[in-house]
């Protein structure tokens, strides 16, 4: 197998998917990062900004700015976490309605896509992507360690 060609093809597909998410966000009058933050909050219900940054791969400053705006618009609220530094973020009632309405078209499209793919292939896709992320992180950490020697 020519892994370089395979990775190039995967990269093209990932780029196309990301571009489509950008376009979906734009059609809702939002940025890609805002849409991803709304999706993360919808997924977790209650979480920290750090969780969103680390698990959704979004820039820390962008997440912070978006959360501040959502707070100013009364879409999110903060509660105390495990210690004085940790703040948990969650939707207000108004925010949940906003997120549900905003994300609905994207969620409906995603559901349709997954139905076209089928349950078995969806499970295999998730398993494969998870494995790719795991090994890529492992390789990246090894690369970083070699760079610091």
N, C-alpha and C. Protein backbone atom coordinates (compact mmCIF):
# COMPACT_ATOMS: atom_id res chain seq x y z
N UNK A 1 0.85 -1.18 0.00
CA UNK A 1 0.00 0.00 0.00
C UNK A 1 0.89 1.24 0.00
N UNK A 2 0.50 2.22 -0.78
CA UNK A 2 1.21 3.50 -0.80
C UNK A 2 0.56 4.41 0.25
N UNK A 3 1.17 4.43 1.44
CA UNK A 3 0.58 5.18 2.55
C UNK A 3 0.54 6.68 2.29
N UNK A 4 1.53 7.20 1.58
CA UNK A 4 1.56 8.64 1.30
C UNK A 4 0.34 9.04 0.45
N UNK A 5 0.07 8.27 -0.61
CA UNK A 5 -1.08 8.56 -1.46
C UNK A 5 -2.39 8.40 -0.68
N UNK A 6 -2.45 7.38 0.16
CA UNK A 6 -3.64 7.15 0.97
C UNK A 6 -3.88 8.32 1.92
N UNK A 7 -2.80 8.80 2.56
CA UNK A 7 -2.93 9.92 3.49
C UNK A 7 -3.35 11.19 2.75
N UNK A 8 -2.83 11.39 1.54
CA UNK A 8 -3.24 12.55 0.74
C UNK A 8 -4.74 12.50 0.45
N UNK A 9 -5.25 11.33 0.10
CA UNK A 9 -6.68 11.18 -0.17
C UNK A 9 -7.51 11.45 1.09
N UNK A 10 -7.05 10.92 2.23
CA UNK A 10 -7.75 11.16 3.50
C UNK A 10 -7.74 12.65 3.81
N UNK A 11 -6.60 13.30 3.63
CA UNK A 11 -6.49 14.73 3.88
C UNK A 11 -7.45 15.55 3.03
N UNK A 12 -7.60 15.17 1.78
CA UNK A 12 -8.54 15.86 0.89
C UNK A 12 -9.97 15.70 1.40
N UNK A 13 -10.33 14.49 1.79
CA UNK A 13 -11.68 14.25 2.31
C UNK A 13 -11.93 15.04 3.60
N UNK A 14 -10.94 15.04 4.50
CA UNK A 14 -11.09 15.80 5.74
C UNK A 14 -11.24 17.29 5.46
N UNK A 15 -10.46 17.78 4.50
CA UNK A 15 -10.56 19.19 4.11
C UNK A 15 -11.93 19.53 3.56
N UNK A 16 -12.47 18.65 2.74
CA UNK A 16 -13.79 18.88 2.16
C UNK A 16 -14.87 18.89 3.25
N UNK A 17 -14.78 17.95 4.18
CA UNK A 17 -15.76 17.88 5.27
C UNK A 17 -15.68 19.15 6.12
N UNK A 18 -14.46 19.56 6.46
CA UNK A 18 -14.28 20.78 7.26
C UNK A 18 -14.85 21.99 6.52
N UNK A 19 -14.60 22.09 5.22
CA UNK A 19 -15.13 23.21 4.42
C UNK A 19 -16.66 23.21 4.45
N UNK A 20 -17.26 22.03 4.37
CA UNK A 20 -18.72 21.95 4.43
C UNK A 20 -19.26 22.41 5.79
N UNK A 21 -18.56 22.05 6.86
CA UNK A 21 -18.97 22.54 8.18
C UNK A 21 -18.82 24.06 8.28
N UNK A 22 -17.76 24.61 7.68
CA UNK A 22 -17.61 26.06 7.64
C UNK A 22 -18.80 26.69 6.92
N UNK A 23 -19.18 26.10 5.79
CA UNK A 23 -20.30 26.64 5.01
C UNK A 23 -21.63 26.51 5.77
N UNK A 24 -21.81 25.41 6.45
CA UNK A 24 -23.02 25.23 7.27
C UNK A 24 -23.09 26.29 8.36
N UNK A 25 -21.97 26.52 9.03
CA UNK A 25 -21.92 27.54 10.08
C UNK A 25 -22.23 28.91 9.50
N UNK A 26 -21.62 29.21 8.38
CA UNK A 26 -21.83 30.50 7.71
C UNK A 26 -23.29 30.70 7.34
N UNK A 27 -23.94 29.64 6.90
CA UNK A 27 -25.36 29.73 6.52
C UNK A 27 -26.26 30.03 7.72
N UNK A 28 -25.74 29.75 8.93
CA UNK A 28 -26.47 30.04 10.17
C UNK A 28 -26.03 31.38 10.76
N UNK A 29 -25.15 32.09 10.05
CA UNK A 29 -24.66 33.38 10.52
C UNK A 29 -23.62 33.27 11.62
N UNK A 30 -22.95 32.11 11.69
CA UNK A 30 -21.96 31.87 12.72
C UNK A 30 -20.61 31.50 12.12
N UNK A 31 -19.59 31.52 12.96
CA UNK A 31 -18.30 31.01 12.53
C UNK A 31 -18.24 29.50 12.77
N UNK A 32 -17.30 28.87 12.13
CA UNK A 32 -17.07 27.44 12.34
C UNK A 32 -16.81 27.16 13.82
N UNK A 33 -15.90 27.95 14.43
CA UNK A 33 -15.55 27.71 15.83
C UNK A 33 -16.74 27.89 16.76
N UNK A 34 -17.59 28.89 16.50
CA UNK A 34 -18.78 29.08 17.33
C UNK A 34 -19.71 27.87 17.22
N UNK A 35 -19.89 27.38 16.02
CA UNK A 35 -20.74 26.21 15.81
C UNK A 35 -20.18 25.00 16.53
N UNK A 36 -18.86 24.84 16.50
CA UNK A 36 -18.25 23.70 17.19
C UNK A 36 -18.39 23.84 18.71
N UNK A 37 -18.27 25.07 19.23
CA UNK A 37 -18.45 25.28 20.68
C UNK A 37 -19.89 24.96 21.07
N UNK A 38 -20.85 25.40 20.26
CA UNK A 38 -22.25 25.07 20.54
C UNK A 38 -22.45 23.56 20.53
N UNK A 39 -21.84 22.90 19.56
CA UNK A 39 -21.94 21.44 19.48
C UNK A 39 -21.31 20.75 20.68
N UNK A 40 -20.18 21.27 21.12
CA UNK A 40 -19.50 20.69 22.29
C UNK A 40 -20.37 20.86 23.54
N UNK A 41 -20.91 22.05 23.72
CA UNK A 41 -21.77 22.30 24.88
C UNK A 41 -23.03 21.43 24.83
N UNK A 42 -23.56 21.26 23.64
CA UNK A 42 -24.73 20.39 23.48
C UNK A 42 -24.38 18.95 23.86
N UNK A 43 -23.19 18.53 23.44
CA UNK A 43 -22.74 17.16 23.72
C UNK A 43 -22.50 16.94 25.22
N UNK A 44 -21.75 17.83 25.85
CA UNK A 44 -21.37 17.63 27.26
C UNK A 44 -22.45 18.04 28.25
N UNK A 45 -23.27 19.01 27.90
CA UNK A 45 -24.23 19.62 28.82
C UNK A 45 -23.52 20.55 29.80
N UNK A 46 -22.54 20.04 30.51
CA UNK A 46 -21.73 20.83 31.45
C UNK A 46 -20.27 20.44 31.22
N UNK A 47 -19.41 21.44 31.02
CA UNK A 47 -18.00 21.14 30.78
C UNK A 47 -17.15 22.36 31.07
N UNK A 48 -15.85 22.20 30.94
CA UNK A 48 -14.93 23.32 31.08
C UNK A 48 -14.50 23.77 29.68
N UNK A 49 -14.00 24.99 29.61
CA UNK A 49 -13.47 25.47 28.34
C UNK A 49 -12.28 24.61 27.91
N UNK A 50 -11.50 24.17 28.88
CA UNK A 50 -10.34 23.32 28.60
C UNK A 50 -10.76 22.03 27.89
N UNK A 51 -11.87 21.44 28.32
CA UNK A 51 -12.37 20.22 27.66
C UNK A 51 -12.67 20.50 26.19
N UNK A 52 -13.32 21.62 25.93
CA UNK A 52 -13.67 21.96 24.55
C UNK A 52 -12.41 22.13 23.72
N UNK A 53 -11.44 22.85 24.26
CA UNK A 53 -10.18 23.10 23.56
C UNK A 53 -9.47 21.78 23.25
N UNK A 54 -9.31 20.95 24.27
CA UNK A 54 -8.53 19.73 24.11
C UNK A 54 -9.23 18.65 23.30
N UNK A 55 -10.53 18.49 23.51
CA UNK A 55 -11.23 17.38 22.87
C UNK A 55 -11.82 17.73 21.51
N UNK A 56 -12.05 19.02 21.25
CA UNK A 56 -12.62 19.42 19.98
C UNK A 56 -11.60 20.10 19.08
N UNK A 57 -10.37 20.25 19.58
CA UNK A 57 -9.28 20.77 18.77
C UNK A 57 -9.45 22.22 18.34
N UNK A 58 -10.03 23.03 19.21
CA UNK A 58 -10.26 24.43 18.89
C UNK A 58 -9.24 25.30 19.62
N UNK A 59 -8.90 26.46 19.05
CA UNK A 59 -7.93 27.35 19.71
C UNK A 59 -8.47 27.88 21.04
N UNK A 60 -7.60 27.89 22.05
CA UNK A 60 -7.96 28.31 23.40
C UNK A 60 -8.55 29.73 23.40
N UNK A 61 -7.88 30.66 22.72
CA UNK A 61 -8.34 32.04 22.72
C UNK A 61 -9.71 32.17 22.04
N UNK A 62 -9.92 31.43 20.96
CA UNK A 62 -11.21 31.46 20.26
C UNK A 62 -12.33 30.95 21.16
N UNK A 63 -12.08 29.84 21.84
CA UNK A 63 -13.09 29.27 22.73
C UNK A 63 -13.41 30.26 23.84
N UNK A 64 -12.39 30.88 24.41
CA UNK A 64 -12.60 31.85 25.47
C UNK A 64 -13.44 33.03 24.98
N UNK A 65 -13.11 33.55 23.82
CA UNK A 65 -13.85 34.69 23.24
C UNK A 65 -15.29 34.31 22.95
N UNK A 66 -15.50 33.12 22.39
CA UNK A 66 -16.85 32.65 22.06
C UNK A 66 -17.68 32.46 23.33
N UNK A 67 -17.09 31.84 24.34
CA UNK A 67 -17.81 31.62 25.60
C UNK A 67 -18.18 32.96 26.24
N UNK A 68 -17.26 33.93 26.21
CA UNK A 68 -17.57 35.26 26.76
C UNK A 68 -18.75 35.89 26.03
N UNK A 69 -18.77 35.76 24.70
CA UNK A 69 -19.88 36.32 23.91
C UNK A 69 -21.18 35.60 24.23
N UNK A 70 -21.13 34.29 24.32
CA UNK A 70 -22.32 33.52 24.67
C UNK A 70 -22.83 33.90 26.07
N UNK A 71 -21.89 34.17 26.98
CA UNK A 71 -22.27 34.61 28.32
C UNK A 71 -22.93 35.99 28.26
N UNK A 72 -22.33 36.90 27.51
CA UNK A 72 -22.89 38.25 27.37
C UNK A 72 -24.29 38.22 26.76
N UNK A 73 -24.50 37.26 25.86
CA UNK A 73 -25.82 37.11 25.22
C UNK A 73 -26.78 36.28 26.07
N UNK A 74 -26.34 35.89 27.25
CA UNK A 74 -27.12 35.09 28.20
C UNK A 74 -27.48 33.70 27.68
N UNK A 75 -26.58 33.13 26.87
CA UNK A 75 -26.77 31.79 26.34
C UNK A 75 -26.08 30.73 27.21
N UNK A 76 -25.06 31.14 27.98
CA UNK A 76 -24.38 30.20 28.87
C UNK A 76 -24.25 30.82 30.24
N UNK A 77 -24.03 29.93 31.20
CA UNK A 77 -23.80 30.36 32.57
C UNK A 77 -22.63 29.56 33.12
N UNK A 78 -22.05 30.07 34.19
CA UNK A 78 -20.91 29.42 34.82
C UNK A 78 -21.31 28.89 36.19
N UNK A 79 -20.68 27.80 36.57
CA UNK A 79 -20.84 27.26 37.92
C UNK A 79 -19.46 26.81 38.41
N UNK A 80 -19.36 26.62 39.71
CA UNK A 80 -18.09 26.24 40.32
C UNK A 80 -17.73 24.81 39.96
N UNK A 81 -16.48 24.60 39.62
CA UNK A 81 -15.97 23.27 39.32
C UNK A 81 -15.39 22.61 40.55
N UNK A 82 -14.41 21.75 40.35
CA UNK A 82 -13.80 20.99 41.44
C UNK A 82 -12.95 21.85 42.36
N UNK A 83 -12.48 23.00 41.85
CA UNK A 83 -11.66 23.89 42.69
C UNK A 83 -11.99 25.34 42.33
N UNK A 84 -11.34 26.28 42.99
CA UNK A 84 -11.64 27.69 42.78
C UNK A 84 -11.32 28.18 41.37
N UNK A 85 -10.35 27.56 40.72
CA UNK A 85 -9.97 27.97 39.38
C UNK A 85 -10.91 27.44 38.30
N UNK A 86 -11.45 26.28 38.52
CA UNK A 86 -12.24 25.61 37.49
C UNK A 86 -13.66 26.16 37.43
N UNK A 87 -14.04 26.60 36.23
CA UNK A 87 -15.41 27.06 36.00
C UNK A 87 -16.06 26.12 35.00
N UNK A 88 -17.25 25.68 35.34
CA UNK A 88 -18.03 24.84 34.44
C UNK A 88 -18.95 25.72 33.62
N UNK A 89 -19.12 25.37 32.38
CA UNK A 89 -19.97 26.12 31.46
C UNK A 89 -21.15 25.24 31.08
N UNK A 90 -22.34 25.85 31.02
CA UNK A 90 -23.53 25.13 30.56
C UNK A 90 -24.49 26.13 29.93
N UNK A 91 -25.39 25.61 29.13
CA UNK A 91 -26.40 26.46 28.51
C UNK A 91 -27.40 26.97 29.53
N UNK A 92 -27.87 28.18 29.33
CA UNK A 92 -29.06 28.65 30.01
C UNK A 92 -30.25 28.10 29.21
N UNK A 93 -31.44 28.28 29.70
CA UNK A 93 -32.62 27.84 28.97
C UNK A 93 -32.66 28.53 27.59
N UNK A 94 -32.40 29.83 27.58
CA UNK A 94 -32.36 30.62 26.35
C UNK A 94 -31.26 30.09 25.41
N UNK A 95 -30.12 29.74 25.98
CA UNK A 95 -29.00 29.23 25.20
C UNK A 95 -29.29 27.87 24.57
N UNK A 96 -29.95 27.02 25.34
CA UNK A 96 -30.30 25.69 24.81
C UNK A 96 -31.24 25.83 23.61
N UNK A 97 -32.21 26.71 23.71
CA UNK A 97 -33.13 26.95 22.58
C UNK A 97 -32.37 27.49 21.38
N UNK A 98 -31.48 28.45 21.63
CA UNK A 98 -30.67 29.03 20.55
C UNK A 98 -29.82 27.95 19.88
N UNK A 99 -29.13 27.14 20.69
CA UNK A 99 -28.25 26.10 20.14
C UNK A 99 -29.06 25.06 19.37
N UNK A 100 -30.18 24.63 19.94
CA UNK A 100 -31.02 23.64 19.27
C UNK A 100 -31.49 24.15 17.91
N UNK A 101 -31.96 25.40 17.88
CA UNK A 101 -32.43 25.98 16.62
C UNK A 101 -31.30 26.17 15.62
N UNK A 102 -30.16 26.61 16.11
CA UNK A 102 -29.01 26.88 15.24
C UNK A 102 -28.41 25.59 14.70
N UNK A 103 -28.30 24.59 15.53
CA UNK A 103 -27.63 23.34 15.14
C UNK A 103 -28.56 22.37 14.41
N UNK A 104 -29.86 22.58 14.49
CA UNK A 104 -30.82 21.64 13.93
C UNK A 104 -30.54 21.26 12.47
N UNK A 105 -30.31 22.22 11.57
CA UNK A 105 -30.05 21.82 10.18
C UNK A 105 -28.80 20.94 10.03
N UNK A 106 -27.75 21.26 10.77
CA UNK A 106 -26.52 20.48 10.69
C UNK A 106 -26.74 19.08 11.26
N UNK A 107 -27.42 19.02 12.40
CA UNK A 107 -27.69 17.72 13.03
C UNK A 107 -28.54 16.84 12.13
N UNK A 108 -29.51 17.44 11.46
CA UNK A 108 -30.38 16.68 10.55
C UNK A 108 -29.57 16.15 9.37
N UNK A 109 -28.68 16.99 8.82
CA UNK A 109 -27.83 16.54 7.71
C UNK A 109 -26.91 15.41 8.15
N UNK A 110 -26.30 15.56 9.32
CA UNK A 110 -25.41 14.51 9.83
C UNK A 110 -26.16 13.19 9.98
N UNK A 111 -27.36 13.26 10.52
CA UNK A 111 -28.15 12.05 10.70
C UNK A 111 -28.45 11.38 9.36
N UNK A 112 -28.83 12.19 8.37
CA UNK A 112 -29.10 11.65 7.03
C UNK A 112 -27.87 10.98 6.44
N UNK A 113 -26.72 11.63 6.59
CA UNK A 113 -25.46 11.09 6.07
C UNK A 113 -25.17 9.74 6.72
N UNK A 114 -25.31 9.68 8.05
CA UNK A 114 -25.02 8.43 8.76
C UNK A 114 -26.00 7.33 8.38
N UNK A 115 -27.25 7.70 8.12
CA UNK A 115 -28.23 6.70 7.66
C UNK A 115 -27.84 6.16 6.29
N UNK A 116 -27.32 7.03 5.42
CA UNK A 116 -26.86 6.58 4.10
C UNK A 116 -25.69 5.61 4.24
N UNK A 117 -24.81 5.88 5.18
CA UNK A 117 -23.63 5.03 5.38
C UNK A 117 -24.02 3.70 6.00
N UNK A 118 -24.95 3.72 6.94
CA UNK A 118 -25.39 2.49 7.60
C UNK A 118 -24.70 2.29 8.93
N UNK A 119 -25.38 1.59 9.81
CA UNK A 119 -24.92 1.41 11.19
C UNK A 119 -23.56 0.75 11.28
N UNK A 120 -23.37 -0.35 10.57
CA UNK A 120 -22.11 -1.09 10.67
C UNK A 120 -20.93 -0.26 10.20
N UNK A 121 -21.08 0.42 9.05
CA UNK A 121 -19.98 1.24 8.54
C UNK A 121 -19.74 2.47 9.41
N UNK A 122 -20.79 3.02 10.01
CA UNK A 122 -20.63 4.15 10.94
C UNK A 122 -19.78 3.73 12.13
N UNK A 123 -20.07 2.57 12.67
CA UNK A 123 -19.29 2.07 13.81
C UNK A 123 -17.84 1.84 13.41
N UNK A 124 -17.63 1.30 12.21
CA UNK A 124 -16.27 1.06 11.73
C UNK A 124 -15.54 2.37 11.49
N UNK A 125 -16.25 3.36 10.94
CA UNK A 125 -15.66 4.68 10.70
C UNK A 125 -15.19 5.30 12.01
N UNK A 126 -16.05 5.28 13.03
CA UNK A 126 -15.70 5.85 14.33
C UNK A 126 -14.50 5.12 14.92
N UNK A 127 -14.49 3.81 14.81
CA UNK A 127 -13.39 3.00 15.34
C UNK A 127 -12.08 3.34 14.61
N UNK A 128 -12.14 3.47 13.30
CA UNK A 128 -10.95 3.77 12.51
C UNK A 128 -10.43 5.17 12.79
N UNK A 129 -11.32 6.15 12.86
CA UNK A 129 -10.90 7.52 13.15
C UNK A 129 -10.29 7.59 14.55
N UNK A 130 -10.90 6.90 15.50
CA UNK A 130 -10.37 6.87 16.86
C UNK A 130 -8.96 6.28 16.87
N UNK A 131 -8.77 5.20 16.14
CA UNK A 131 -7.46 4.55 16.07
C UNK A 131 -6.44 5.48 15.41
N UNK A 132 -6.85 6.16 14.34
CA UNK A 132 -5.96 7.10 13.66
C UNK A 132 -5.53 8.20 14.64
N UNK A 133 -6.50 8.78 15.37
CA UNK A 133 -6.19 9.85 16.32
C UNK A 133 -5.23 9.37 17.40
N UNK A 134 -5.47 8.15 17.90
CA UNK A 134 -4.61 7.58 18.93
C UNK A 134 -3.18 7.44 18.46
N UNK A 135 -2.97 6.83 17.29
CA UNK A 135 -1.62 6.60 16.80
C UNK A 135 -0.95 7.90 16.34
N UNK A 136 -1.73 8.82 15.79
CA UNK A 136 -1.15 10.10 15.38
C UNK A 136 -0.66 10.86 16.62
N UNK A 137 -1.45 10.85 17.69
CA UNK A 137 -1.02 11.51 18.93
C UNK A 137 0.25 10.85 19.47
N UNK A 138 0.29 9.54 19.43
CA UNK A 138 1.46 8.80 19.91
C UNK A 138 2.71 9.18 19.10
N UNK A 139 2.57 9.24 17.78
CA UNK A 139 3.68 9.62 16.91
C UNK A 139 4.10 11.07 17.15
N UNK A 140 3.11 11.94 17.35
CA UNK A 140 3.42 13.34 17.59
C UNK A 140 4.17 13.53 18.90
N UNK A 141 3.74 12.84 19.95
CA UNK A 141 4.44 12.93 21.23
C UNK A 141 5.87 12.42 21.13
N UNK A 142 6.09 11.35 20.38
CA UNK A 142 7.44 10.83 20.16
C UNK A 142 8.28 11.84 19.39
N UNK A 143 7.68 12.47 18.39
CA UNK A 143 8.37 13.50 17.61
C UNK A 143 8.77 14.66 18.50
N UNK A 144 7.84 15.12 19.34
CA UNK A 144 8.13 16.23 20.25
C UNK A 144 9.28 15.87 21.20
N UNK A 145 9.23 14.66 21.70
CA UNK A 145 10.27 14.21 22.64
C UNK A 145 11.63 14.20 21.94
N UNK A 146 11.69 13.74 20.70
CA UNK A 146 12.94 13.72 19.94
C UNK A 146 13.44 15.12 19.64
N UNK A 147 12.52 16.07 19.45
CA UNK A 147 12.90 17.46 19.16
C UNK A 147 13.53 18.13 20.37
N UNK A 148 13.13 17.71 21.57
CA UNK A 148 13.63 18.36 22.78
C UNK A 148 14.95 17.76 23.28
N UNK A 149 15.40 16.70 22.64
CA UNK A 149 16.65 16.04 23.06
C UNK A 149 17.84 16.81 22.54
